[in-house]
Every structure is written in structure tokens, then in C-alpha cells.
Amino acid sequence: MDWLPIAQAALRAQGLAAWWIYDFRGNNPVADRFIAMPEAHFSRRVVLMVPAEGTPVLLAHAIERGVAERGPWPVRTYADRLALRHTLAEANPGGPVALEYAPEADLPYVSHVDAGTIELLRAVGVDVRSSAEVLQAFATWTPAQVAAHERAAEAVMAVCHGAFDEIRRRLGAGETVREHEVQRWIAARFAERGLVTGHDAIVGFGPDAGDPHYAPRAGDDRALAEGDVVLIDLWAKEDRPDAPYADVTWMGVRGEPSAEIARAWAAVRDGRDLAVRLIAERVAAGDPPAGWEVDRAVRDHLTAAGYGDAFVHRTGHSLGTGPIHGEAAHLDDFETRDVRRLTPGFGVTVEPGVYLPSFGIRSELDVLLETSGPRVTTGVQVELESV
């Protein structure tokens, strides 16, 4: 149980008495990481009760005692539902207990325990809290993962700049430049470097850049026209399960940007920098912000600039190793309310955007959260690329 010291340190740091990892027939994906045993299957309700100090206890149904005892923990059993209720009440540690739950499901990434079970626990006196920040303790990157992210970030920036150079080369040769062609060029460069992406980059010109998750299709994509913005959002990681992604969005324009494009770019760029500055200031003060606080500050900034209704996604996400969106805190007070703090040890994106019918603007960089504060690991775009 090499995970136990990490869990118990997180419980103590948050003033939690215990973490109860509850599962019924696989409805809690978190449980599989901590309860799973070779050749063992639980068909009844099971709870791994992890105290802030001491030895965990596995609570299982009486008919599955034999299966439960294959694990490394002491086992308690229950038989009927009244015995379960009594045992849960008896096991109440008298302090807050973390479960995979979020108030009003406002953080759905960790909200897996059903409402009825929460009602039962509260009925027997358990003070139920969210395990969100306990789980975040397991998202901390190792030094090897940090190095892998830094290598990926260097590669992503090289391919990004190469893509803009390729657009300039084709335009200079009198060629038509289409979104799907640029997307395929990016995919080929990542393949040459042995990097994986999960799915292809976003390349949007003009109005297509106003769709935050636009996906160009051959034969149904846009040719780059004079005055169009160019949005390129690209990400990649080393081809190893534990390697984190790097993820960047870079902006350009063909010709001179209109006044509206220039104004939107300035608002987005300044909002991006505001986020990084806020994280740095709060860390320096010994009070790392929660993800929602950073998003709210950036959202208020863009609202004051007149773009509140055009910022239709969160400010950023943690960087994952499987999916690109990680398991740690996101910068979000819009799609969800992420109450997890931006504690040291993992990476996040900062990517505010403005999406209008005629164009879209997004500026994205990656930040590694360190004890001394946020460190940007990718490029920082100051001005629009001219193509």
C-alpha cells in the first residue's frame, strides 16, 4: 500500500478524519485503483475505510469475507441492510469523512457516490466531505514526468512555429492554404518525433476559429483569406503511459488585423497574463488559489472588456497523462466550480478565449505549479503572428 502515506498526509493536511472509498459493482472508478485485488470481485457494497492515522479496514458483505481477506487489510463484515447501517454508524470516526462526492455535483470529475448512500451516511451521523483534494495528492508529477512534459513542451512549440512558417511558405509560393492541410502537416511532424496526441490539432481560420473545438474536414474546410485570423491549438506527449501532455494555442492573422481583432487579442492576452500573475501572487502569500478563483478573475476581466458572453469555456485544465485533461484542479468557475487548490506538483493550461461569429481568439500556455510559484513551460505569445 505505497499509496497509504500519501492519502493519510493529505487527510491530515485537510483536517479530515478519514477517507471512505465506497463502491457498488464498479460505480466508483476511484475504488478500482485502491481496492482492486487479483482474482477478486465484489458483488455487494464495499467500503475501504482509510483513517488519517492507523490501518485501513475493509467493510464487505458477509458472503464475500473470503474474497475480502485476500487483501492486505483487516476485514469487517455486515449481512443485512440494518447491520450495514449499524456498522457504518459504529465506524464513524467523529470527524469529517471524505468520499467521492461533490456538493450539488458541481465537481463531476470526483462525484461518483450515489445520493442515496450519502443520505444514509448522513442519517447515521457521518460528516460527509469531498475527497477531491485527497485525490489530487495522487496527481503530483515525479521529476521524470516533469522532464517529459518539458520535452513535450519544447517539441510542441517547435511544431507550432513550424506550422506558421509552413503557412507563410505556401502563401509566398502563391498556394492556397487550407485548414485540413495544416492539420495534417502538424500530425506528420509529431509522428516524426515519436509523439502521440490522442486526436488531431485544431486549426481554424476566420469564422471557424470562433468554434472553440472546431475540427476541420477535408473538402469541408476553409481556405485562408486576407484578414482571417489563424488559430492553431496543438498538443502532444511522449509515447509512455505516465508522460504528461503539453498543450498550446497560438494565434496569427493574414495581413493586418482589424481593430476588433486587435482589441480582442489584447483582452485575451492580458487575461491570460492576469491568471499567471494571480497564481504567483497567491503562492507568494502562502495561500494558493482554488481553480475557480483564477477562472473568475479572468472571466471578470473579459466581461469588463465587453467579451463576457463570448468566453464560453473554462480558463484552463490540468494536464493529464492519459486524456489530455488531467485529474487535478482545473481553472473553472463556469462549466463547474473547481474548489481544489493549485498546489505544487502538476501542470495546468491557461487558455482564455473570445469566440465571435466572424472570428475567435484563444491564447494558451502551460504552467508548472512549483513550490516557489508558477513556471511557464511553453512559449508566451505577445503579438499576433503575421502570415
Protein backbone atom coordinates (compact mmCIF):
# COMPACT_ATOMS: atom_id res chain seq x y z
CA MET A 1 0.00 0.00 0.00
CA ASP A 2 2.53 2.57 -1.13
CA TRP A 3 -0.36 5.00 -1.65
CA LEU A 4 -1.37 5.00 2.02
CA PRO A 5 1.19 7.56 3.30
CA ILE A 6 0.18 9.95 0.51
CA ALA A 7 -3.51 9.58 1.35
CA GLN A 8 -3.04 9.95 5.10
CA ALA A 9 -0.79 13.00 4.72
CA ALA A 10 -3.48 14.61 2.54
CA LEU A 11 -6.18 13.77 5.10
CA ARG A 12 -4.20 15.32 7.94
CA ALA A 13 -3.35 18.42 5.89
CA GLN A 14 -7.06 18.98 5.19
CA GLY A 15 -8.30 18.25 8.70
CA LEU A 16 -10.18 15.12 7.60
CA ALA A 17 -10.64 12.19 9.95
CA ALA A 18 -10.90 9.52 7.25
CA TRP A 19 -11.41 8.68 3.60
CA TRP A 20 -14.10 6.09 2.91
CA ILE A 21 -13.65 4.60 -0.55
CA TYR A 22 -17.11 3.26 -1.34
CA ASP A 23 -18.06 1.09 -4.29
CA PHE A 24 -21.01 -0.94 -5.53
CA ARG A 25 -20.39 -3.05 -8.62
CA GLY A 26 -17.90 -0.63 -10.11
CA ASN A 27 -19.91 2.58 -9.83
CA ASN A 28 -16.91 4.39 -8.31
CA PRO A 29 -13.93 4.30 -10.71
CA VAL A 30 -11.67 5.57 -7.95
CA ALA A 31 -12.27 2.41 -5.93
CA ASP A 32 -10.73 0.24 -8.61
CA ARG A 33 -7.40 1.98 -8.08
CA PHE A 34 -7.27 1.29 -4.35
CA ILE A 35 -9.47 -1.74 -3.58
CA ALA A 36 -8.88 -3.94 -6.62
CA MET A 37 -7.29 -7.30 -5.84
CA PRO A 38 -6.19 -10.07 -8.22
CA GLU A 39 -8.96 -12.60 -8.90
CA ALA A 40 -11.31 -10.76 -6.53
CA HIS A 41 -14.76 -9.43 -7.37
CA PHE A 42 -17.25 -7.77 -5.05
CA SER A 43 -20.91 -8.05 -5.96
CA ARG A 44 -22.15 -6.26 -2.80
CA ARG A 45 -21.40 -2.88 -1.27
CA VAL A 46 -17.83 -2.46 -0.08
CA VAL A 47 -16.05 0.35 1.75
CA LEU A 48 -12.32 0.75 2.36
CA MET A 49 -12.13 2.92 5.48
CA VAL A 50 -8.84 4.82 5.48
CA PRO A 51 -8.18 6.74 8.72
CA ALA A 52 -5.92 9.79 8.91
CA GLU A 53 -3.79 7.71 11.28
CA GLY A 54 -3.62 3.95 11.58
CA THR A 55 -4.58 0.93 9.50
CA PRO A 56 -7.38 0.88 6.89
CA VAL A 57 -10.27 -1.53 7.38
CA LEU A 58 -12.26 -3.12 4.56
CA LEU A 59 -16.01 -3.38 5.16
CA ALA A 60 -17.57 -6.09 2.98
CA HIS A 61 -20.66 -8.29 2.88
CA ALA A 62 -20.51 -11.46 4.96
CA ILE A 63 -20.80 -13.74 1.93
CA GLU A 64 -17.67 -12.13 0.48
CA ARG A 65 -15.45 -12.38 3.55
CA GLY A 66 -13.22 -14.91 1.81
CA VAL A 67 -12.64 -12.59 -1.13
CA ALA A 68 -12.10 -9.59 1.14
CA GLU A 69 -9.50 -11.39 3.22
CA ARG A 70 -7.26 -11.74 0.17
CA GLY A 71 -6.41 -8.09 0.59
CA PRO A 72 -3.84 -6.55 2.92
CA TRP A 73 -6.37 -5.02 5.33
CA PRO A 74 -8.31 -6.18 8.38
CA VAL A 75 -11.89 -7.04 7.36
CA ARG A 76 -15.24 -6.21 8.95
CA THR A 77 -18.47 -7.67 7.59
CA TYR A 78 -22.17 -6.94 7.56
CA ALA A 79 -25.06 -9.13 6.46
CA ASP A 80 -28.43 -7.37 6.18
CA ARG A 81 -29.06 -3.71 5.48
CA LEU A 82 -29.73 -2.90 9.13
CA ALA A 83 -26.36 -4.40 10.05
CA LEU A 84 -24.75 -2.22 7.37
CA ARG A 85 -26.38 0.87 8.83
CA HIS A 86 -25.26 -0.09 12.34
CA THR A 87 -21.70 -0.82 11.24
CA LEU A 88 -21.38 2.48 9.38
CA ALA A 89 -22.59 4.36 12.44
CA GLU A 90 -20.21 2.43 14.68
CA ALA A 91 -17.27 3.14 12.34
CA ASN A 92 -17.93 6.90 12.27
CA PRO A 93 -14.59 8.45 13.29
CA GLY A 94 -16.27 11.51 14.77
CA GLY A 95 -14.74 13.93 12.30
CA PRO A 96 -15.14 14.83 8.62
CA VAL A 97 -15.05 11.85 6.25
CA ALA A 98 -14.03 12.25 2.59
CA LEU A 99 -15.92 10.42 -0.15
CA GLU A 100 -16.10 10.66 -3.94
CA TYR A 101 -18.77 13.32 -3.71
CA ALA A 102 -19.17 16.99 -4.60
CA PRO A 103 -21.94 19.27 -3.28
CA GLU A 104 -24.66 19.50 -5.92
CA ALA A 105 -22.34 17.50 -8.23
CA ASP A 106 -20.60 20.79 -9.01
CA LEU A 107 -17.31 18.96 -9.48
CA PRO A 108 -18.42 15.96 -11.54
CA TYR A 109 -14.88 14.66 -12.02
CA VAL A 110 -14.98 13.26 -8.47
CA SER A 111 -18.73 12.90 -7.83
CA HIS A 112 -19.26 9.12 -8.05
CA VAL A 113 -21.02 8.04 -4.84
CA ASP A 114 -24.80 7.95 -5.31
CA ALA A 115 -27.09 10.36 -3.48
CA GLY A 116 -28.82 7.60 -1.52
CA THR A 117 -25.56 6.43 0.02
CA ILE A 118 -24.72 10.00 1.01
CA GLU A 119 -28.17 10.26 2.63
CA LEU A 120 -27.56 7.02 4.54
CA LEU A 121 -24.19 8.16 5.84
CA ARG A 122 -25.56 11.50 6.97
CA ALA A 123 -28.50 9.76 8.63
CA VAL A 124 -26.08 7.77 10.83
CA GLY A 125 -24.13 10.90 11.73
CA VAL A 126 -21.24 10.87 9.27
CA ASP A 127 -19.95 14.34 8.31
CA VAL A 128 -19.52 13.79 4.55
CA ARG A 129 -16.95 15.88 2.68
CA SER A 130 -15.46 15.73 -0.80
CA SER A 131 -12.35 13.66 -1.49
CA ALA A 132 -11.36 15.98 -4.36
CA GLU A 133 -8.16 17.27 -2.78
CA VAL A 134 -7.25 13.85 -1.37
CA LEU A 135 -7.34 12.51 -4.92
CA GLN A 136 -5.35 15.48 -6.18
CA ALA A 137 -2.45 14.32 -3.99
CA PHE A 138 -2.07 11.40 -6.41
CA ALA A 139 -1.81 13.69 -9.44
CA THR A 140 1.58 15.10 -8.42
CA TRP A 141 4.23 14.65 -11.10
CA THR A 142 7.53 12.92 -10.45
CA PRO A 143 10.78 14.60 -11.58
CA ALA A 144 10.80 12.23 -14.57
CA GLN A 145 7.28 13.34 -15.52
CA VAL A 146 8.27 17.00 -15.23
CA ALA A 147 11.19 16.35 -17.59
CA ALA A 148 8.90 14.51 -20.02
CA HIS A 149 6.47 17.44 -20.01
CA GLU A 150 9.29 19.90 -20.63
CA ARG A 151 10.50 17.87 -23.62
CA ALA A 152 6.95 17.69 -24.96
CA ALA A 153 6.54 21.44 -24.49
CA GLU A 154 9.72 22.11 -26.46
CA ALA A 155 8.52 19.85 -29.27
CA VAL A 156 5.02 21.35 -29.33
CA MET A 157 6.45 24.86 -29.60
CA ALA A 158 8.80 23.79 -32.42
CA VAL A 159 5.94 22.24 -34.39
CA CYS A 160 3.73 25.26 -33.67
CA HIS A 161 6.26 27.73 -35.03
CA GLY A 162 6.95 25.36 -37.92
CA ALA A 163 3.26 25.35 -38.83
CA PHE A 164 3.18 29.15 -39.10
CA ASP A 165 6.37 29.07 -41.17
CA GLU A 166 4.75 26.46 -43.44
CA ILE A 167 1.70 28.71 -43.91
CA ARG A 168 3.98 31.62 -44.84
CA ARG A 169 5.96 29.43 -47.25
CA ARG A 170 2.83 28.26 -49.06
CA LEU A 171 1.36 31.73 -49.28
CA GLY A 172 4.69 33.06 -50.55
CA ALA A 173 4.64 30.40 -53.26
CA GLY A 174 1.18 31.52 -54.32
CA GLU A 175 -0.52 28.40 -52.95
CA THR A 176 -3.92 28.17 -51.31
CA VAL A 177 -3.66 27.21 -47.65
CA ARG A 178 -6.47 25.09 -46.20
CA GLU A 179 -7.17 24.17 -42.57
CA HIS A 180 -7.11 20.42 -43.04
CA GLU A 181 -3.76 20.57 -44.86
CA VAL A 182 -2.16 22.42 -41.95
CA GLN A 183 -3.69 19.96 -39.51
CA ARG A 184 -2.18 17.03 -41.44
CA TRP A 185 1.19 18.78 -41.61
CA ILE A 186 1.17 19.10 -37.80
CA ALA A 187 0.21 15.43 -37.36
CA ALA A 188 3.10 14.37 -39.60
CA ARG A 189 5.63 16.41 -37.63
CA PHE A 190 4.52 14.88 -34.31
CA ALA A 191 4.69 11.40 -35.82
CA GLU A 192 8.25 12.08 -36.98
CA ARG A 193 9.17 12.96 -33.39
CA GLY A 194 7.54 9.82 -31.99
CA LEU A 195 4.95 11.83 -30.02
CA VAL A 196 1.28 10.94 -29.56
CA THR A 197 -1.68 13.31 -29.49
CA GLY A 198 -4.88 11.36 -28.85
CA HIS A 199 -6.58 13.32 -31.61
CA ASP A 200 -5.58 15.90 -34.18
CA ALA A 201 -4.83 19.57 -33.63
CA ILE A 202 -7.42 22.31 -34.01
CA VAL A 203 -6.73 24.56 -37.00
CA GLY A 204 -9.32 27.26 -37.60
CA PHE A 205 -9.28 30.22 -39.99
CA GLY A 206 -11.56 33.26 -39.75
CA PRO A 207 -15.09 32.31 -38.60
CA ASP A 208 -14.03 28.72 -37.90
CA ALA A 209 -11.74 30.00 -35.13
CA GLY A 210 -14.92 31.14 -33.39
CA ASP A 211 -15.80 27.48 -32.70
CA PRO A 212 -13.69 26.54 -29.63
CA HIS A 213 -13.48 22.84 -30.56
CA TYR A 214 -13.62 23.17 -34.33
CA ALA A 215 -12.50 20.10 -36.29
CA PRO A 216 -11.57 20.69 -39.97
CA ARG A 217 -12.59 18.05 -42.51
CA ALA A 218 -11.07 17.53 -45.91
CA GLY A 219 -13.32 19.01 -48.58
CA ASP A 220 -15.35 20.91 -45.99
CA ASP A 221 -12.65 23.19 -44.57
CA ARG A 222 -11.79 26.83 -45.13
CA ALA A 223 -9.07 28.34 -47.27
CA LEU A 224 -7.12 31.13 -45.57
CA ALA A 225 -8.35 34.51 -46.82
CA GLU A 226 -6.96 38.00 -46.39
CA GLY A 227 -7.83 39.36 -42.95
CA ASP A 228 -8.56 35.92 -41.46
CA VAL A 229 -7.25 35.01 -38.05
CA VAL A 230 -5.34 31.74 -37.75
CA LEU A 231 -5.95 29.67 -34.60
CA ILE A 232 -3.72 26.64 -34.04
CA ASP A 233 -4.28 24.57 -30.90
CA LEU A 234 -1.87 21.64 -30.70
CA TRP A 235 -0.83 19.18 -28.01
CA ALA A 236 1.38 16.12 -27.70
CA LYS A 237 3.17 13.84 -25.24
CA GLU A 238 5.85 11.21 -25.24
CA ASP A 239 4.59 7.73 -26.05
CA ARG A 240 4.62 6.46 -22.45
CA PRO A 241 1.59 5.95 -20.19
CA ASP A 242 2.91 8.23 -17.43
CA ALA A 243 4.13 11.07 -19.68
CA PRO A 244 2.17 14.34 -19.32
CA TYR A 245 0.95 16.39 -22.24
CA ALA A 246 2.00 19.83 -23.36
CA ASP A 247 -0.78 21.95 -24.88
CA VAL A 248 -0.53 25.33 -26.63
CA THR A 249 -2.73 27.64 -28.70
CA TRP A 250 -1.06 30.23 -30.93
CA MET A 251 -2.74 32.95 -32.98
CA GLY A 252 -1.96 34.69 -36.25
CA VAL A 253 -3.63 36.80 -38.91
CA ARG A 254 -3.25 37.09 -42.66
CA GLY A 255 -2.42 40.70 -43.36
CA GLU A 256 -3.14 43.50 -40.95
CA PRO A 257 -5.51 42.68 -38.07
CA SER A 258 -8.73 44.66 -37.92
CA ALA A 259 -9.28 46.93 -34.94
CA GLU A 260 -11.75 44.42 -33.47
CA ILE A 261 -9.32 41.52 -33.83
CA ALA A 262 -6.55 43.57 -32.23
CA ARG A 263 -8.84 44.58 -29.35
CA ALA A 264 -10.00 41.02 -28.69
CA TRP A 265 -6.42 39.73 -28.86
CA ALA A 266 -5.26 42.29 -26.29
CA ALA A 267 -8.11 41.38 -23.93
CA VAL A 268 -7.40 37.65 -24.16
CA ARG A 269 -3.62 38.04 -23.85
CA ASP A 270 -3.97 40.30 -20.82
CA GLY A 271 -6.46 37.89 -19.22
CA ARG A 272 -4.00 35.04 -19.73
CA ASP A 273 -1.22 37.01 -18.06
CA LEU A 274 -3.56 38.06 -15.25
CA ALA A 275 -4.14 34.39 -14.43
CA VAL A 276 -0.45 33.58 -14.18
CA ARG A 277 0.17 36.70 -12.10
CA LEU A 278 -2.68 35.88 -9.71
CA ILE A 279 -1.36 32.36 -9.11
CA ALA A 280 2.13 33.74 -8.47
CA GLU A 281 0.90 36.38 -6.03
CA ARG A 282 -1.25 33.98 -4.06
CA VAL A 283 1.50 31.35 -3.83
CA ALA A 284 3.95 34.01 -2.65
CA ALA A 285 1.44 34.95 0.05
CA GLY A 286 1.23 31.32 1.19
CA ASP A 287 -2.37 30.97 0.01
CA PRO A 288 -2.56 29.10 -3.33
CA PRO A 289 -5.84 29.92 -5.10
CA ALA A 290 -8.53 27.40 -5.92
CA GLY A 291 -9.09 26.74 -9.60
CA TRP A 292 -12.40 28.60 -9.60
CA GLU A 293 -10.80 31.78 -8.26
CA VAL A 294 -8.41 32.05 -11.20
CA ASP A 295 -11.19 31.46 -13.70
CA ARG A 296 -13.39 34.05 -12.01
CA ALA A 297 -10.67 36.70 -12.15
CA VAL A 298 -10.08 36.12 -15.86
CA ARG A 299 -13.82 35.94 -16.57
CA ASP A 300 -14.39 39.26 -14.78
CA HIS A 301 -11.56 40.80 -16.80
CA LEU A 302 -13.06 39.69 -20.12
CA THR A 303 -16.54 40.74 -19.02
CA ALA A 304 -15.23 44.23 -18.23
CA ALA A 305 -13.70 44.29 -21.71
CA GLY A 306 -17.11 43.52 -23.22
CA TYR A 307 -16.50 39.85 -24.01
CA GLY A 308 -18.19 38.07 -21.11
CA ASP A 309 -20.76 36.31 -23.28
CA ALA A 310 -18.07 35.30 -25.79
CA PHE A 311 -15.92 33.40 -23.26
CA VAL A 312 -17.78 30.10 -23.31
CA HIS A 313 -15.37 27.66 -21.66
CA ARG A 314 -13.19 27.47 -18.55
CA THR A 315 -9.88 29.29 -18.30
CA GLY A 316 -7.78 26.14 -18.17
CA HIS A 317 -7.40 22.49 -17.24
CA SER A 318 -4.83 20.34 -15.51
CA LEU A 319 -2.59 18.39 -17.84
CA GLY A 320 -3.15 14.65 -17.97
CA THR A 321 -1.12 11.62 -18.93
CA GLY A 322 -3.93 9.55 -20.50
CA PRO A 323 -6.59 12.03 -21.55
CA ILE A 324 -5.12 15.49 -22.08
CA HIS A 325 -7.43 16.84 -19.37
CA GLY A 326 -5.90 15.71 -16.08
CA GLU A 327 -7.27 14.60 -12.71
CA ALA A 328 -6.08 17.63 -10.73
CA ALA A 329 -7.61 21.09 -10.40
CA HIS A 330 -8.98 22.90 -13.44
CA LEU A 331 -9.27 26.68 -13.72
CA ASP A 332 -13.04 26.65 -13.75
CA ASP A 333 -15.90 28.65 -12.25
CA PHE A 334 -18.03 28.29 -15.38
CA GLU A 335 -18.60 24.71 -16.50
CA THR A 336 -18.03 23.53 -12.92
CA ARG A 337 -16.85 25.15 -9.70
CA ASP A 338 -13.43 23.65 -9.03
CA VAL A 339 -12.68 24.17 -5.35
CA ARG A 340 -9.36 22.32 -5.49
CA ARG A 341 -6.33 24.46 -4.77
CA LEU A 342 -3.46 24.91 -7.18
CA THR A 343 -0.95 23.11 -5.00
CA PRO A 344 2.60 22.37 -6.19
CA GLY A 345 3.37 19.35 -8.29
CA PHE A 346 1.38 19.33 -11.54
CA GLY A 347 0.78 21.34 -14.68
CA VAL A 348 -2.18 23.38 -15.89
CA THR A 349 -3.10 25.25 -19.03
CA VAL A 350 -4.13 28.89 -19.06
CA GLU A 351 -6.28 29.49 -22.13
CA PRO A 352 -8.90 32.25 -22.07
CA GLY A 353 -10.75 32.90 -25.29
CA VAL A 354 -13.20 35.14 -27.13
CA TYR A 355 -15.47 33.48 -29.73
CA LEU A 356 -17.47 35.63 -32.13
CA PRO A 357 -19.36 34.85 -35.36
CA SER A 358 -16.63 36.34 -37.56
CA PHE A 359 -13.53 35.11 -35.69
CA GLY A 360 -12.21 33.62 -32.49
CA ILE A 361 -9.20 34.31 -30.31
CA ARG A 362 -7.58 31.95 -27.80
CA SER A 363 -4.15 32.20 -26.20
CA GLU A 364 -2.85 29.18 -24.31
CA LEU A 365 0.28 28.40 -22.38
CA ASP A 366 1.27 25.74 -19.86
CA VAL A 367 2.25 26.39 -16.26
CA LEU A 368 4.05 24.03 -13.91
CA LEU A 369 2.96 24.64 -10.32
CA GLU A 370 6.08 24.69 -8.17
CA THR A 371 6.65 25.48 -4.51
CA SER A 372 8.13 28.85 -5.48
CA GLY A 373 5.21 29.67 -7.76
CA PRO A 374 4.02 29.04 -11.34
CA ARG A 375 6.65 28.43 -14.02
CA VAL A 376 5.63 28.79 -17.66
CA THR A 377 6.97 25.81 -19.61
CA THR A 378 5.83 26.81 -23.10
CA GLY A 379 6.13 29.95 -25.16
CA VAL A 380 4.31 33.15 -24.21
CA GLN A 381 2.76 34.86 -27.22
CA VAL A 382 2.89 38.65 -27.04
CA GLU A 383 1.77 39.72 -30.51
CA LEU A 384 -0.27 38.06 -33.25
CA GLU A 385 1.79 36.16 -35.83
CA SER A 386 1.67 37.82 -39.22
CA VAL A 387 1.22 35.46 -42.15
